[in-house]
Amino acid sequence: MRLLKMALLAVVLVQFIGVTAFAAPISFLHEGSGSGTIGGNPFNSAFRIRAMGDTANRQNYASNSFFIDHAPGTVEIELVSLSLVSTFTTATRTFMNNESTGLVGFSRAGVSGADLYNGPGNLGFWDMLSSFGPVTGGASLLQWTNSPVNTSNGVLVFNNGGTQGRFTARVGVPEPLSVITFGLGLLGLAAARRRRS
């Protein structure tokens, strides 16, 4: 019985602690408003861009400036006035420029990805390995027409312009399977203790 309890505890610890220590998922939320077209249809709307990545994939693009490419299939934009949610099919990333502007933004993927949305600036230093925000401030939409940004609802084009932006990042959201495993482990320990009593 003691061996069983030790095995259950080991499984729980590996599953629960291991996910947050080694997998390090990170979620990003970029918010603002702007005008443009999606699939040729015009809009002028508040938007929310949600994306997932992994802090293990953080890369430098300049000294003390970082980016994380988003996981494929996880990047969505909600155009509030249209009640429309679209999934990006063009690869994208979230970046933090710690060099001169202290701003966070959303761009095409890769080391030299063109900026699409420069969010709030003058934020100080963020290493992209921890949760951050929410932060708000002046933001700008730019360069959407340089090359197509494809979504599940067609090409998305934002017109250049200024907006009030908001950004939030959350690190270490446990995977549902790990939470279930953790719960089952606790139930197993409780059952073993009850049988012993």
Protein backbone atom coordinates (compact mmCIF):
# COMPACT_ATOMS: atom_id res chain seq x y z
CA MET A 1 0.00 0.00 0.00
CA ARG A 2 2.84 2.38 0.83
CA LEU A 3 4.46 1.70 -2.55
CA LEU A 4 1.16 2.48 -4.31
CA LYS A 5 0.88 5.81 -2.49
CA MET A 6 4.43 6.74 -3.42
CA ALA A 7 3.80 5.86 -7.07
CA LEU A 8 0.62 7.94 -7.15
CA LEU A 9 2.38 10.89 -5.56
CA ALA A 10 5.21 10.64 -8.12
CA VAL A 11 2.73 10.64 -11.02
CA VAL A 12 0.94 13.66 -9.58
CA LEU A 13 4.15 15.61 -9.08
CA VAL A 14 5.51 14.82 -12.55
CA GLN A 15 2.21 15.66 -14.25
CA PHE A 16 1.37 18.83 -12.32
CA ILE A 17 4.76 20.39 -11.68
CA GLY A 18 6.32 19.13 -14.91
CA VAL A 19 3.86 20.95 -17.15
CA THR A 20 4.44 24.37 -15.65
CA ALA A 21 8.18 23.89 -15.23
CA PHE A 22 9.01 22.55 -18.70
CA ALA A 23 6.11 23.14 -21.11
CA ALA A 24 5.60 26.84 -20.23
CA PRO A 25 2.59 27.65 -22.41
CA ILE A 26 1.92 31.37 -22.84
CA SER A 27 -1.27 33.08 -24.01
CA PHE A 28 -1.35 36.54 -25.58
CA LEU A 29 -4.24 39.01 -25.89
CA HIS A 30 -3.84 42.13 -28.07
CA GLU A 31 -6.80 44.56 -28.09
CA GLY A 32 -7.59 47.78 -29.95
CA SER A 33 -9.80 49.09 -32.74
CA GLY A 34 -9.40 49.91 -36.40
CA SER A 35 -10.88 49.91 -39.87
CA GLY A 36 -10.15 47.78 -42.90
CA THR A 37 -11.50 44.80 -44.81
CA ILE A 38 -11.75 41.06 -44.27
CA GLY A 39 -12.46 38.92 -47.32
CA GLY A 40 -13.18 42.20 -49.15
CA ASN A 41 -15.90 43.23 -46.64
CA PRO A 42 -15.30 46.59 -44.90
CA PHE A 43 -15.33 46.99 -41.10
CA ASN A 44 -14.63 49.60 -38.44
CA SER A 45 -14.43 47.66 -35.22
CA ALA A 46 -12.90 46.92 -31.87
CA PHE A 47 -10.76 43.79 -32.14
CA ARG A 48 -9.21 41.13 -29.94
CA ILE A 49 -6.30 39.01 -31.15
CA ARG A 50 -5.76 35.86 -29.08
CA ALA A 51 -2.74 33.60 -29.60
CA MET A 52 -0.83 30.79 -27.89
CA GLY A 53 2.89 30.09 -27.82
CA ASP A 54 5.54 28.49 -25.64
CA THR A 55 8.23 30.32 -23.68
CA ALA A 56 10.67 27.56 -24.66
CA ASN A 57 10.46 29.01 -28.21
CA ARG A 58 11.43 32.57 -27.22
CA GLN A 59 14.06 34.06 -29.55
CA ASN A 60 16.13 37.25 -29.60
CA TYR A 61 15.83 39.65 -32.52
CA ALA A 62 18.00 42.35 -30.92
CA SER A 63 19.90 42.66 -27.67
CA ASN A 64 17.31 42.18 -24.88
CA SER A 65 14.40 42.18 -27.34
CA PHE A 66 12.42 38.99 -27.84
CA PHE A 67 9.66 37.30 -29.81
CA ILE A 68 7.67 34.09 -29.62
CA ASP A 69 6.12 32.67 -32.80
CA HIS A 70 2.53 31.61 -32.19
CA ALA A 71 1.54 27.96 -32.34
CA PRO A 72 -0.17 27.14 -35.68
CA GLY A 73 -3.96 27.16 -35.52
CA THR A 74 -4.12 29.11 -32.25
CA VAL A 75 -4.26 32.71 -33.50
CA GLU A 76 -7.75 34.21 -33.72
CA ILE A 77 -9.06 37.71 -34.30
CA GLU A 78 -12.50 38.74 -33.11
CA LEU A 79 -14.01 41.73 -34.92
CA VAL A 80 -16.54 42.82 -32.33
CA SER A 81 -18.93 44.89 -34.49
CA LEU A 82 -19.20 42.05 -37.01
CA SER A 83 -19.51 39.30 -34.36
CA LEU A 84 -16.91 37.53 -36.49
CA VAL A 85 -14.06 35.31 -35.26
CA SER A 86 -11.38 34.36 -37.81
CA THR A 87 -8.36 32.09 -37.46
CA PHE A 88 -5.07 33.37 -38.89
CA THR A 89 -3.49 31.10 -41.51
CA THR A 90 -0.51 33.44 -42.02
CA ALA A 91 2.19 32.72 -39.42
CA THR A 92 2.50 35.41 -36.71
CA ARG A 93 4.36 36.23 -33.51
CA THR A 94 4.20 38.44 -30.41
CA PHE A 95 7.28 40.56 -29.71
CA MET A 96 8.70 42.78 -26.97
CA ASN A 97 11.07 45.57 -28.00
CA ASN A 98 13.09 46.33 -24.87
CA GLU A 99 15.78 48.29 -26.74
CA SER A 100 14.38 51.74 -27.36
CA THR A 101 10.60 51.85 -27.29
CA GLY A 102 9.66 49.33 -24.59
CA LEU A 103 6.67 48.28 -26.66
CA VAL A 104 4.86 45.02 -27.18
CA GLY A 105 3.37 44.09 -30.53
CA PHE A 106 1.99 41.60 -33.03
CA SER A 107 3.71 40.88 -36.33
CA ARG A 108 4.35 38.33 -39.03
CA ALA A 109 6.44 35.37 -37.81
CA GLY A 110 10.21 35.09 -37.83
CA VAL A 111 13.21 37.21 -36.97
CA SER A 112 12.37 39.99 -39.43
CA GLY A 113 8.56 39.78 -39.30
CA ALA A 114 6.91 43.04 -40.37
CA ASP A 115 4.94 44.72 -37.58
CA LEU A 116 1.17 44.60 -37.92
CA TYR A 117 0.16 46.09 -34.56
CA ASN A 118 2.42 48.05 -32.24
CA GLY A 119 0.72 47.91 -28.88
CA PRO A 120 1.31 49.99 -25.77
CA GLY A 121 4.85 51.37 -25.34
CA ASN A 122 7.16 52.66 -22.61
CA LEU A 123 6.41 49.54 -20.58
CA GLY A 124 9.85 48.92 -19.13
CA PHE A 125 11.57 45.54 -19.46
CA TRP A 126 9.71 42.25 -20.02
CA ASP A 127 11.57 38.99 -20.68
CA MET A 128 8.53 37.13 -22.17
CA LEU A 129 9.04 34.31 -19.65
CA SER A 130 6.47 35.52 -17.11
CA SER A 131 2.92 36.84 -17.04
CA PHE A 132 2.58 40.50 -17.99
CA GLY A 133 -0.18 43.10 -17.90
CA PRO A 134 -2.80 44.05 -18.55
CA VAL A 135 -1.14 47.24 -19.85
CA THR A 136 -2.81 50.00 -21.83
CA GLY A 137 -1.66 52.93 -23.92
CA GLY A 138 -1.37 54.40 -27.38
CA ALA A 139 -0.99 51.83 -30.17
CA SER A 140 -0.84 51.79 -33.96
CA LEU A 141 -1.87 49.57 -36.86
CA LEU A 142 0.56 49.45 -39.77
CA GLN A 143 1.89 47.52 -42.77
CA TRP A 144 -1.11 45.24 -43.25
CA THR A 145 -1.10 45.87 -47.01
CA ASN A 146 2.60 45.00 -47.62
CA SER A 147 1.76 41.32 -48.12
CA PRO A 148 -1.44 39.35 -47.54
CA VAL A 149 -2.45 38.35 -44.02
CA ASN A 150 -4.71 35.36 -44.56
CA THR A 151 -7.49 34.16 -42.26
CA SER A 152 -10.24 31.57 -42.37
CA ASN A 153 -12.57 34.36 -43.61
CA GLY A 154 -10.26 35.72 -46.31
CA VAL A 155 -7.48 38.30 -46.48
CA LEU A 156 -7.43 40.69 -43.50
CA VAL A 157 -6.33 44.27 -44.14
CA PHE A 158 -6.18 46.90 -41.40
CA ASN A 159 -5.80 50.51 -42.48
CA ASN A 160 -2.86 52.35 -40.92
CA GLY A 161 -4.01 54.30 -37.88
CA GLY A 162 -3.74 54.99 -34.18
CA THR A 163 -5.82 53.41 -31.41
CA GLN A 164 -5.84 52.82 -27.68
CA GLY A 165 -4.31 49.41 -27.11
CA ARG A 166 -4.36 46.85 -24.34
CA PHE A 167 -2.11 43.82 -23.90
CA THR A 168 -2.09 40.86 -21.53
CA ALA A 169 0.13 37.74 -21.39
CA ARG A 170 -0.37 34.75 -19.10
CA VAL A 171 2.24 32.02 -18.56
CA GLY A 172 1.80 28.52 -17.20
CA VAL A 173 -1.85 27.78 -17.88
CA PRO A 174 -1.94 24.06 -17.07
CA GLU A 175 -3.15 21.67 -19.75
CA PRO A 176 -6.61 20.18 -19.01
CA LEU A 177 -5.17 16.64 -19.01
CA SER A 178 -2.66 17.61 -16.31
CA VAL A 179 -5.37 19.11 -14.12
CA ILE A 180 -7.44 15.91 -14.51
CA THR A 181 -4.40 13.75 -13.69
CA PHE A 182 -3.66 15.88 -10.64
CA GLY A 183 -7.29 15.51 -9.46
CA LEU A 184 -7.24 11.74 -9.98
CA GLY A 185 -4.00 11.51 -8.06
CA LEU A 186 -5.53 13.35 -5.12
CA LEU A 187 -8.57 11.07 -5.23
CA GLY A 188 -6.27 8.02 -5.23
CA LEU A 189 -4.38 9.32 -2.21
CA ALA A 190 -7.65 10.02 -0.38
CA ALA A 191 -8.94 6.50 -1.18
CA ALA A 192 -5.71 4.90 0.03
CA ARG A 193 -5.88 6.88 3.27
CA ARG A 194 -9.55 5.93 3.79
CA ARG A 195 -8.79 2.20 3.31
CA ARG A 196 -6.00 2.44 5.85
CA SER A 197 -8.30 4.00 8.48
